[in-house]
Amino acid sequence: MKNKYISPKTSAHNKLIEFSHSAFYVCIRHFIKGVEMKKALIVVQGKNTANQKYGEEIAKFLLYRGLAAELIPINNFDPKKLKEADYLFLSGWKNGSLLSAAHPDSEWENFVNKLPTLDGIKTALFTTYKLFSGGIVKTMKKYLGRKTSNLEFAFTSRDGSLTISDKMTLNDFIG
């Protein structure tokens, strides 16, 4: 059985978040026991700090739960990483003003169009919003629906904070 762990080189190169001592010890315990860690990729479209913070909060939580979590900017993502991934969290950004029709911006659309089929990878969306979240999430699901039938969850936040409800949903998502 291959051991998967977070290496310092990967951490620095892909801007993995700094994680708490307790999350670190969970990862070390799994590594010592020879447990193969599930891997989550968190792809962030960092057009705002709240979106970036939300991705970091998700990654911290997943690390604490014993998963290997990698936070990657959308423009640095390598599709080859999907071969090792069990979970994919994909953020998006609304194009236009607060009052315009909700659709992802062209960078996100191009990214999704270039993704291979995501069969076997549990996928979730996350985004931040100012007034309303429903329209952008619905449109993101529509775009991503062409790539996977395993799109199970969508997380939204006003300020990038992970709520208790989000944590409970994440627990359900990762099983």
N, C-alpha and C. Protein backbone atom coordinates (compact mmCIF):
# COMPACT_ATOMS: atom_id res chain seq x y z
N MET A 1 0.85 -1.18 0.00
CA MET A 1 0.00 0.00 0.00
C MET A 1 0.90 1.24 0.00
N LYS A 2 0.62 2.16 -0.89
CA LYS A 2 1.40 3.39 -0.95
C LYS A 2 0.97 4.35 0.15
N ASN A 3 1.93 4.95 0.78
CA ASN A 3 1.63 5.98 1.76
C ASN A 3 1.60 7.32 1.06
N LYS A 4 0.60 8.08 1.33
CA LYS A 4 0.51 9.43 0.79
C LYS A 4 0.68 10.39 1.95
N TYR A 5 1.48 11.41 1.76
CA TYR A 5 1.69 12.38 2.81
C TYR A 5 1.95 13.73 2.19
N ILE A 6 1.95 14.72 3.00
CA ILE A 6 2.19 16.08 2.54
C ILE A 6 3.67 16.36 2.69
N SER A 7 4.34 16.57 1.59
CA SER A 7 5.77 16.84 1.66
C SER A 7 6.01 18.34 1.76
N PRO A 8 7.11 18.75 2.38
CA PRO A 8 7.41 20.19 2.48
C PRO A 8 7.54 20.84 1.11
N LYS A 9 8.12 20.12 0.12
CA LYS A 9 8.27 20.69 -1.21
C LYS A 9 6.91 20.97 -1.84
N THR A 10 6.01 20.02 -1.76
CA THR A 10 4.67 20.20 -2.31
C THR A 10 3.98 21.35 -1.60
N SER A 11 4.15 21.42 -0.30
CA SER A 11 3.52 22.47 0.49
C SER A 11 3.94 23.85 0.01
N ALA A 12 5.24 24.03 -0.16
CA ALA A 12 5.73 25.34 -0.56
C ALA A 12 5.35 25.65 -2.00
N HIS A 13 5.50 24.66 -2.86
CA HIS A 13 5.29 24.89 -4.28
C HIS A 13 3.84 25.23 -4.61
N ASN A 14 2.92 24.54 -4.04
CA ASN A 14 1.51 24.74 -4.37
C ASN A 14 0.78 25.58 -3.34
N LYS A 15 1.51 26.23 -2.49
CA LYS A 15 0.93 27.13 -1.50
C LYS A 15 -0.09 26.42 -0.60
N LEU A 16 0.32 25.23 -0.14
CA LEU A 16 -0.54 24.57 0.83
C LEU A 16 -0.64 25.45 2.06
N ILE A 17 -1.75 25.38 2.68
CA ILE A 17 -1.95 26.21 3.85
C ILE A 17 -1.16 25.69 5.03
N GLU A 18 -0.87 26.58 5.94
CA GLU A 18 -0.28 26.14 7.20
C GLU A 18 -1.40 25.53 8.01
N PHE A 19 -1.11 24.39 8.61
CA PHE A 19 -2.16 23.73 9.36
C PHE A 19 -1.77 23.60 10.82
N SER A 20 -2.79 23.40 11.63
CA SER A 20 -2.58 23.35 13.08
C SER A 20 -1.81 22.12 13.48
N HIS A 21 -1.27 22.14 14.70
CA HIS A 21 -0.51 21.00 15.21
C HIS A 21 -1.38 19.75 15.26
N SER A 22 -2.62 19.89 15.64
CA SER A 22 -3.48 18.71 15.73
C SER A 22 -3.69 18.07 14.36
N ALA A 23 -3.86 18.87 13.32
CA ALA A 23 -4.00 18.31 11.97
C ALA A 23 -2.71 17.64 11.54
N PHE A 24 -1.60 18.24 11.90
CA PHE A 24 -0.30 17.65 11.58
C PHE A 24 -0.16 16.28 12.24
N TYR A 25 -0.55 16.17 13.49
CA TYR A 25 -0.43 14.91 14.19
C TYR A 25 -1.37 13.85 13.62
N VAL A 26 -2.53 14.25 13.16
CA VAL A 26 -3.44 13.30 12.50
C VAL A 26 -2.76 12.73 11.27
N CYS A 27 -2.14 13.59 10.47
CA CYS A 27 -1.45 13.14 9.25
C CYS A 27 -0.28 12.23 9.60
N ILE A 28 0.48 12.59 10.61
CA ILE A 28 1.63 11.77 11.03
C ILE A 28 1.15 10.41 11.52
N ARG A 29 0.08 10.37 12.32
CA ARG A 29 -0.45 9.09 12.82
C ARG A 29 -0.85 8.18 11.65
N HIS A 30 -1.51 8.74 10.65
CA HIS A 30 -1.89 7.95 9.49
C HIS A 30 -0.66 7.45 8.75
N PHE A 31 0.35 8.30 8.62
CA PHE A 31 1.57 7.92 7.92
C PHE A 31 2.28 6.79 8.66
N ILE A 32 2.41 6.91 9.97
CA ILE A 32 3.09 5.89 10.77
C ILE A 32 2.34 4.57 10.72
N LYS A 33 1.03 4.61 10.76
CA LYS A 33 0.22 3.39 10.71
C LYS A 33 0.19 2.78 9.31
N GLY A 34 0.70 3.48 8.32
CA GLY A 34 0.66 2.97 6.95
C GLY A 34 -0.69 3.10 6.30
N VAL A 35 -1.51 3.98 6.82
CA VAL A 35 -2.85 4.19 6.28
C VAL A 35 -2.73 5.07 5.03
N GLU A 36 -3.35 4.63 3.96
CA GLU A 36 -3.35 5.44 2.76
C GLU A 36 -4.35 6.58 2.95
N MET A 37 -3.85 7.80 2.90
CA MET A 37 -4.69 8.97 3.12
C MET A 37 -5.46 9.30 1.85
N LYS A 38 -6.71 9.65 2.02
CA LYS A 38 -7.50 10.16 0.91
C LYS A 38 -6.95 11.54 0.57
N LYS A 39 -7.05 11.91 -0.69
CA LYS A 39 -6.49 13.19 -1.12
C LYS A 39 -7.58 14.08 -1.68
N ALA A 40 -7.55 15.34 -1.25
CA ALA A 40 -8.49 16.35 -1.73
C ALA A 40 -7.71 17.46 -2.42
N LEU A 41 -8.18 17.85 -3.57
CA LEU A 41 -7.64 19.01 -4.27
C LEU A 41 -8.64 20.14 -4.13
N ILE A 42 -8.17 21.29 -3.66
CA ILE A 42 -9.01 22.46 -3.51
C ILE A 42 -8.49 23.49 -4.52
N VAL A 43 -9.25 23.69 -5.58
CA VAL A 43 -8.84 24.60 -6.65
C VAL A 43 -9.56 25.92 -6.44
N VAL A 44 -8.77 26.96 -6.24
CA VAL A 44 -9.31 28.27 -5.87
C VAL A 44 -9.11 29.27 -6.99
N GLN A 45 -10.19 29.92 -7.35
CA GLN A 45 -10.11 31.05 -8.25
C GLN A 45 -10.04 32.28 -7.35
N GLY A 46 -8.85 32.77 -7.13
CA GLY A 46 -8.61 33.80 -6.13
C GLY A 46 -8.86 35.20 -6.59
N LYS A 47 -10.07 35.50 -7.02
CA LYS A 47 -10.39 36.86 -7.43
C LYS A 47 -10.69 37.76 -6.23
N ASN A 48 -10.94 37.13 -5.09
CA ASN A 48 -11.15 37.93 -3.89
C ASN A 48 -10.60 37.18 -2.68
N THR A 49 -10.34 37.92 -1.63
CA THR A 49 -9.75 37.30 -0.44
C THR A 49 -10.72 36.38 0.28
N ALA A 50 -12.01 36.65 0.20
CA ALA A 50 -12.99 35.78 0.86
C ALA A 50 -13.00 34.39 0.23
N ASN A 51 -12.93 34.33 -1.09
CA ASN A 51 -12.88 33.05 -1.79
C ASN A 51 -11.62 32.27 -1.40
N GLN A 52 -10.50 32.95 -1.37
CA GLN A 52 -9.23 32.33 -0.96
C GLN A 52 -9.32 31.82 0.48
N LYS A 53 -9.88 32.64 1.35
CA LYS A 53 -10.03 32.25 2.75
C LYS A 53 -10.93 31.02 2.89
N TYR A 54 -12.00 30.97 2.11
CA TYR A 54 -12.92 29.84 2.16
C TYR A 54 -12.21 28.55 1.74
N GLY A 55 -11.40 28.63 0.69
CA GLY A 55 -10.61 27.47 0.26
C GLY A 55 -9.65 27.03 1.35
N GLU A 56 -9.00 27.98 2.00
CA GLU A 56 -8.07 27.67 3.09
C GLU A 56 -8.79 27.02 4.27
N GLU A 57 -9.98 27.53 4.59
CA GLU A 57 -10.77 26.97 5.70
C GLU A 57 -11.17 25.52 5.40
N ILE A 58 -11.57 25.26 4.16
CA ILE A 58 -11.94 23.90 3.76
C ILE A 58 -10.71 22.99 3.87
N ALA A 59 -9.57 23.46 3.37
CA ALA A 59 -8.34 22.66 3.43
C ALA A 59 -7.94 22.36 4.87
N LYS A 60 -8.01 23.35 5.75
CA LYS A 60 -7.68 23.14 7.16
C LYS A 60 -8.58 22.07 7.78
N PHE A 61 -9.86 22.15 7.50
CA PHE A 61 -10.79 21.19 8.04
C PHE A 61 -10.48 19.78 7.53
N LEU A 62 -10.22 19.65 6.25
CA LEU A 62 -9.91 18.34 5.67
C LEU A 62 -8.62 17.77 6.24
N LEU A 63 -7.62 18.63 6.43
CA LEU A 63 -6.38 18.18 7.05
C LEU A 63 -6.63 17.68 8.47
N TYR A 64 -7.44 18.40 9.20
CA TYR A 64 -7.78 18.00 10.57
C TYR A 64 -8.49 16.65 10.58
N ARG A 65 -9.28 16.39 9.56
CA ARG A 65 -10.02 15.12 9.46
C ARG A 65 -9.16 13.98 8.92
N GLY A 66 -7.87 14.26 8.62
CA GLY A 66 -6.95 13.20 8.22
C GLY A 66 -6.78 13.00 6.73
N LEU A 67 -7.24 13.94 5.93
CA LEU A 67 -7.05 13.86 4.49
C LEU A 67 -5.82 14.66 4.10
N ALA A 68 -5.19 14.28 3.02
CA ALA A 68 -4.16 15.12 2.41
C ALA A 68 -4.90 16.16 1.59
N ALA A 69 -4.66 17.42 1.84
CA ALA A 69 -5.39 18.50 1.17
C ALA A 69 -4.39 19.44 0.50
N GLU A 70 -4.65 19.73 -0.76
CA GLU A 70 -3.76 20.60 -1.51
C GLU A 70 -4.56 21.77 -2.08
N LEU A 71 -4.15 22.96 -1.73
CA LEU A 71 -4.81 24.19 -2.18
C LEU A 71 -4.04 24.72 -3.39
N ILE A 72 -4.73 24.83 -4.53
CA ILE A 72 -4.06 25.18 -5.78
C ILE A 72 -4.80 26.32 -6.46
N PRO A 73 -4.09 27.38 -6.86
CA PRO A 73 -4.74 28.43 -7.65
C PRO A 73 -5.19 27.86 -9.00
N ILE A 74 -6.32 28.32 -9.49
CA ILE A 74 -6.91 27.78 -10.72
C ILE A 74 -5.95 27.88 -11.90
N ASN A 75 -5.15 28.92 -11.96
CA ASN A 75 -4.25 29.10 -13.10
C ASN A 75 -2.96 28.27 -12.97
N ASN A 76 -2.74 27.58 -11.83
CA ASN A 76 -1.58 26.70 -11.65
C ASN A 76 -1.97 25.23 -11.60
N PHE A 77 -3.21 24.93 -11.89
CA PHE A 77 -3.69 23.56 -11.75
C PHE A 77 -3.20 22.68 -12.89
N ASP A 78 -2.71 21.49 -12.54
CA ASP A 78 -2.28 20.49 -13.51
C ASP A 78 -3.28 19.33 -13.47
N PRO A 79 -4.00 19.08 -14.56
CA PRO A 79 -5.02 18.01 -14.56
C PRO A 79 -4.47 16.64 -14.20
N LYS A 80 -3.17 16.41 -14.32
CA LYS A 80 -2.57 15.13 -13.95
C LYS A 80 -2.77 14.84 -12.47
N LYS A 81 -2.92 15.87 -11.66
CA LYS A 81 -3.13 15.70 -10.22
C LYS A 81 -4.44 14.97 -9.92
N LEU A 82 -5.37 15.01 -10.85
CA LEU A 82 -6.67 14.36 -10.64
C LEU A 82 -6.54 12.84 -10.53
N LYS A 83 -5.49 12.28 -11.09
CA LYS A 83 -5.28 10.83 -11.04
C LYS A 83 -5.14 10.32 -9.60
N GLU A 84 -4.61 11.18 -8.72
CA GLU A 84 -4.39 10.79 -7.33
C GLU A 84 -5.49 11.28 -6.40
N ALA A 85 -6.43 12.03 -6.92
CA ALA A 85 -7.43 12.69 -6.08
C ALA A 85 -8.66 11.83 -5.84
N ASP A 86 -9.15 11.91 -4.61
CA ASP A 86 -10.41 11.28 -4.25
C ASP A 86 -11.53 12.32 -4.24
N TYR A 87 -11.16 13.57 -3.94
CA TYR A 87 -12.13 14.66 -3.82
C TYR A 87 -11.60 15.87 -4.57
N LEU A 88 -12.52 16.60 -5.19
CA LEU A 88 -12.18 17.86 -5.85
C LEU A 88 -13.15 18.92 -5.36
N PHE A 89 -12.59 20.01 -4.85
CA PHE A 89 -13.37 21.17 -4.44
C PHE A 89 -12.98 22.29 -5.40
N LEU A 90 -13.97 22.85 -6.05
CA LEU A 90 -13.71 23.85 -7.09
C LEU A 90 -14.44 25.14 -6.77
N SER A 91 -13.68 26.22 -6.66
CA SER A 91 -14.32 27.51 -6.40
C SER A 91 -14.62 28.21 -7.72
N GLY A 92 -15.47 29.18 -7.65
CA GLY A 92 -15.81 29.94 -8.83
C GLY A 92 -16.01 31.40 -8.49
N TRP A 93 -16.10 32.19 -9.53
CA TRP A 93 -16.24 33.63 -9.37
C TRP A 93 -17.28 34.13 -10.35
N LYS A 94 -18.19 34.96 -9.86
CA LYS A 94 -19.26 35.51 -10.69
C LYS A 94 -18.71 36.62 -11.57
N ASN A 95 -19.08 36.59 -12.81
CA ASN A 95 -18.68 37.60 -13.78
C ASN A 95 -19.70 38.74 -13.76
N GLY A 96 -19.22 39.96 -13.78
CA GLY A 96 -20.12 41.10 -13.88
C GLY A 96 -20.42 41.74 -12.54
N SER A 97 -21.40 42.62 -12.55
CA SER A 97 -21.76 43.37 -11.35
C SER A 97 -22.69 42.56 -10.46
N LEU A 98 -22.99 43.11 -9.30
CA LEU A 98 -23.87 42.42 -8.36
C LEU A 98 -25.27 42.20 -8.92
N LEU A 99 -25.70 43.05 -9.82
CA LEU A 99 -27.05 42.97 -10.34
C LEU A 99 -27.15 42.27 -11.69
N SER A 100 -26.02 41.87 -12.26
CA SER A 100 -26.05 41.21 -13.57
C SER A 100 -26.40 39.73 -13.41
N ALA A 101 -26.70 39.08 -14.53
CA ALA A 101 -27.02 37.65 -14.52
C ALA A 101 -25.84 36.87 -13.95
N ALA A 102 -26.13 35.86 -13.17
CA ALA A 102 -25.08 35.09 -12.50
C ALA A 102 -24.51 34.04 -13.44
N HIS A 103 -23.28 34.25 -13.86
CA HIS A 103 -22.56 33.22 -14.60
C HIS A 103 -21.08 33.35 -14.29
N PRO A 104 -20.39 32.20 -14.29
CA PRO A 104 -18.95 32.24 -13.96
C PRO A 104 -18.18 33.04 -15.00
N ASP A 105 -17.03 33.56 -14.59
CA ASP A 105 -16.23 34.32 -15.54
C ASP A 105 -15.54 33.39 -16.54
N SER A 106 -14.96 33.97 -17.57
CA SER A 106 -14.39 33.19 -18.67
C SER A 106 -13.22 32.31 -18.23
N GLU A 107 -12.42 32.77 -17.27
CA GLU A 107 -11.30 31.95 -16.77
C GLU A 107 -11.83 30.64 -16.19
N TRP A 108 -12.89 30.72 -15.40
CA TRP A 108 -13.47 29.53 -14.80
C TRP A 108 -14.09 28.63 -15.87
N GLU A 109 -14.83 29.21 -16.80
CA GLU A 109 -15.44 28.42 -17.87
C GLU A 109 -14.38 27.68 -18.68
N ASN A 110 -13.30 28.37 -19.04
CA ASN A 110 -12.21 27.74 -19.79
C ASN A 110 -11.57 26.61 -19.00
N PHE A 111 -11.39 26.84 -17.70
CA PHE A 111 -10.82 25.81 -16.83
C PHE A 111 -11.68 24.56 -16.84
N VAL A 112 -12.98 24.71 -16.63
CA VAL A 112 -13.90 23.58 -16.60
C VAL A 112 -13.94 22.87 -17.95
N ASN A 113 -13.94 23.63 -19.04
CA ASN A 113 -13.96 23.02 -20.37
C ASN A 113 -12.72 22.17 -20.63
N LYS A 114 -11.59 22.52 -20.03
CA LYS A 114 -10.35 21.77 -20.23
C LYS A 114 -10.20 20.58 -19.27
N LEU A 115 -11.07 20.51 -18.26
CA LEU A 115 -11.00 19.39 -17.33
C LEU A 115 -11.36 18.08 -18.03
N PRO A 116 -10.67 16.99 -17.66
CA PRO A 116 -11.12 15.69 -18.17
C PRO A 116 -12.40 15.28 -17.43
N THR A 117 -12.99 14.19 -17.83
CA THR A 117 -14.14 13.66 -17.13
C THR A 117 -13.72 13.32 -15.71
N LEU A 118 -14.56 13.65 -14.74
CA LEU A 118 -14.21 13.49 -13.32
C LEU A 118 -14.82 12.24 -12.69
N ASP A 119 -15.03 11.21 -13.48
CA ASP A 119 -15.62 9.99 -12.95
C ASP A 119 -14.75 9.42 -11.83
N GLY A 120 -15.40 9.03 -10.74
CA GLY A 120 -14.71 8.46 -9.60
C GLY A 120 -14.18 9.47 -8.61
N ILE A 121 -14.30 10.76 -8.92
CA ILE A 121 -13.84 11.81 -8.02
C ILE A 121 -15.07 12.54 -7.48
N LYS A 122 -15.25 12.47 -6.16
CA LYS A 122 -16.36 13.21 -5.56
C LYS A 122 -16.04 14.70 -5.68
N THR A 123 -16.99 15.43 -6.22
CA THR A 123 -16.74 16.84 -6.54
C THR A 123 -17.73 17.73 -5.82
N ALA A 124 -17.22 18.85 -5.34
CA ALA A 124 -18.05 19.86 -4.68
C ALA A 124 -17.63 21.24 -5.19
N LEU A 125 -18.57 22.15 -5.16
CA LEU A 125 -18.33 23.54 -5.53
C LEU A 125 -18.33 24.40 -4.27
N PHE A 126 -17.58 25.50 -4.33
CA PHE A 126 -17.69 26.48 -3.26
C PHE A 126 -17.48 27.87 -3.83
N THR A 127 -18.17 28.82 -3.22
CA THR A 127 -18.05 30.21 -3.67
C THR A 127 -18.46 31.14 -2.53
N THR A 128 -18.04 32.37 -2.66
CA THR A 128 -18.48 33.40 -1.73
C THR A 128 -19.39 34.35 -2.49
N TYR A 129 -20.17 35.11 -1.74
CA TYR A 129 -21.14 35.99 -2.38
C TYR A 129 -21.36 37.22 -1.51
N LYS A 130 -21.91 38.24 -2.13
CA LYS A 130 -22.24 39.48 -1.41
C LYS A 130 -23.72 39.51 -1.04
N LEU A 131 -24.60 39.29 -2.02
CA LEU A 131 -26.03 39.36 -1.76
C LEU A 131 -26.74 38.02 -1.91
N PHE A 132 -26.58 37.36 -3.07
CA PHE A 132 -27.29 36.11 -3.36
C PHE A 132 -26.31 35.08 -3.89
N SER A 133 -26.46 33.83 -3.46
CA SER A 133 -25.53 32.79 -3.90
C SER A 133 -26.15 31.82 -4.89
N GLY A 134 -27.44 31.69 -4.90
CA GLY A 134 -28.11 30.63 -5.66
C GLY A 134 -27.84 30.63 -7.15
N GLY A 135 -27.87 31.79 -7.79
CA GLY A 135 -27.71 31.84 -9.24
C GLY A 135 -26.35 31.36 -9.71
N ILE A 136 -25.30 31.79 -9.06
CA ILE A 136 -23.96 31.39 -9.49
C ILE A 136 -23.74 29.90 -9.25
N VAL A 137 -24.23 29.37 -8.14
CA VAL A 137 -24.05 27.95 -7.84
C VAL A 137 -24.80 27.10 -8.87
N LYS A 138 -26.01 27.49 -9.19
CA LYS A 138 -26.82 26.76 -10.18
C LYS A 138 -26.11 26.73 -11.54
N THR A 139 -25.56 27.86 -11.94
CA THR A 139 -24.87 27.93 -13.22
C THR A 139 -23.57 27.14 -13.20
N MET A 140 -22.82 27.20 -12.09
CA MET A 140 -21.59 26.41 -11.97
C MET A 140 -21.91 24.92 -12.05
N LYS A 141 -22.98 24.48 -11.41
CA LYS A 141 -23.39 23.07 -11.46
C LYS A 141 -23.70 22.66 -12.90
N LYS A 142 -24.35 23.55 -13.63
CA LYS A 142 -24.70 23.25 -15.01
C LYS A 142 -23.44 23.03 -15.84
N TYR A 143 -22.45 23.92 -15.72
CA TYR A 143 -21.20 23.77 -16.47
C TYR A 143 -20.46 22.50 -16.06
N LEU A 144 -20.35 22.27 -14.78
CA LEU A 144 -19.58 21.13 -14.28
C LEU A 144 -20.32 19.82 -14.48
N GLY A 145 -21.63 19.87 -14.62
CA GLY A 145 -22.43 18.67 -14.83
C GLY A 145 -22.05 17.91 -16.08
N ARG A 146 -21.42 18.58 -17.03
CA ARG A 146 -20.95 17.91 -18.25
C ARG A 146 -19.73 17.05 -17.99
N LYS A 147 -19.06 17.28 -16.87
CA LYS A 147 -17.82 16.58 -16.56
C LYS A 147 -17.99 15.47 -15.52
N THR A 148 -19.05 15.54 -14.73
CA THR A 148 -19.22 14.56 -13.67
C THR A 148 -20.70 14.36 -13.34
N SER A 149 -21.01 13.15 -12.96
CA SER A 149 -22.35 12.88 -12.43
C SER A 149 -22.27 12.77 -10.91
N ASN A 150 -21.08 12.99 -10.36
CA ASN A 150 -20.82 12.84 -8.94
C ASN A 150 -20.66 14.20 -8.24
N LEU A 151 -21.41 15.19 -8.69
CA LEU A 151 -21.38 16.52 -8.10
C LEU A 151 -22.41 16.55 -6.98
N GLU A 152 -21.93 16.47 -5.74
CA GLU A 152 -22.83 16.23 -4.63
C GLU A 152 -23.15 17.45 -3.78
N PHE A 153 -22.20 18.35 -3.62
CA PHE A 153 -22.39 19.44 -2.68
C PHE A 153 -21.94 20.77 -3.26
N ALA A 154 -22.52 21.83 -2.76
CA ALA A 154 -22.09 23.19 -3.06
C ALA A 154 -22.08 23.96 -1.74
N PHE A 155 -20.98 24.62 -1.47
CA PHE A 155 -20.81 25.39 -0.24
C PHE A 155 -20.76 26.86 -0.59
N THR A 156 -21.43 27.67 0.21
CA THR A 156 -21.42 29.12 -0.01
C THR A 156 -21.14 29.83 1.31
N SER A 157 -20.51 30.99 1.19
CA SER A 157 -20.20 31.79 2.37
C SER A 157 -20.16 33.26 1.98
N ARG A 158 -20.59 34.10 2.89
CA ARG A 158 -20.49 35.54 2.66
C ARG A 158 -19.07 36.06 2.86
N ASP A 159 -18.37 35.53 3.86
CA ASP A 159 -17.07 36.08 4.23
C ASP A 159 -15.91 35.10 4.16
N GLY A 160 -16.16 33.86 3.71
CA GLY A 160 -15.09 32.88 3.62
C GLY A 160 -14.91 32.03 4.86
N SER A 161 -15.81 32.18 5.83
CA SER A 161 -15.72 31.39 7.06
C SER A 161 -16.43 30.06 6.87
N LEU A 162 -15.90 29.04 7.48
CA LEU A 162 -16.51 27.71 7.46
C LEU A 162 -17.39 27.58 8.69
N THR A 163 -18.69 27.45 8.48
CA THR A 163 -19.64 27.39 9.59
C THR A 163 -19.71 25.96 10.15
N ILE A 164 -20.37 25.82 11.29
CA ILE A 164 -20.61 24.49 11.87
C ILE A 164 -21.40 23.64 10.87
N SER A 165 -22.38 24.23 10.24
CA SER A 165 -23.18 23.53 9.24
C SER A 165 -22.31 23.05 8.08
N ASP A 166 -21.40 23.91 7.62
CA ASP A 166 -20.47 23.53 6.55
C ASP A 166 -19.62 22.34 6.98
N LYS A 167 -19.15 22.37 8.21
CA LYS A 167 -18.31 21.27 8.71
C LYS A 167 -19.08 19.96 8.77
N MET A 168 -20.33 20.03 9.18
CA MET A 168 -21.16 18.83 9.22
C MET A 168 -21.39 18.29 7.80
N THR A 169 -21.64 19.19 6.87
CA THR A 169 -21.83 18.79 5.48
C THR A 169 -20.55 18.22 4.89
N LEU A 170 -19.41 18.83 5.21
CA LEU A 170 -18.12 18.30 4.76
C LEU A 170 -17.89 16.89 5.31
N ASN A 171 -18.26 16.66 6.57
CA ASN A 171 -18.14 15.33 7.15
C ASN A 171 -18.97 14.32 6.36
N ASP A 172 -20.19 14.70 6.00
CA ASP A 172 -21.04 13.82 5.19
C ASP A 172 -20.41 13.59 3.81
N PHE A 173 -19.86 14.64 3.25
CA PHE A 173 -19.26 14.55 1.91
C PHE A 173 -18.08 13.59 1.86
N ILE A 174 -17.18 13.67 2.84
CA ILE A 174 -15.99 12.83 2.84
C ILE A 174 -16.24 11.45 3.41
N GLY A 175 -17.43 11.26 4.00
CA GLY A 175 -17.83 9.94 4.49
C GLY A 175 -17.17 9.63 5.76
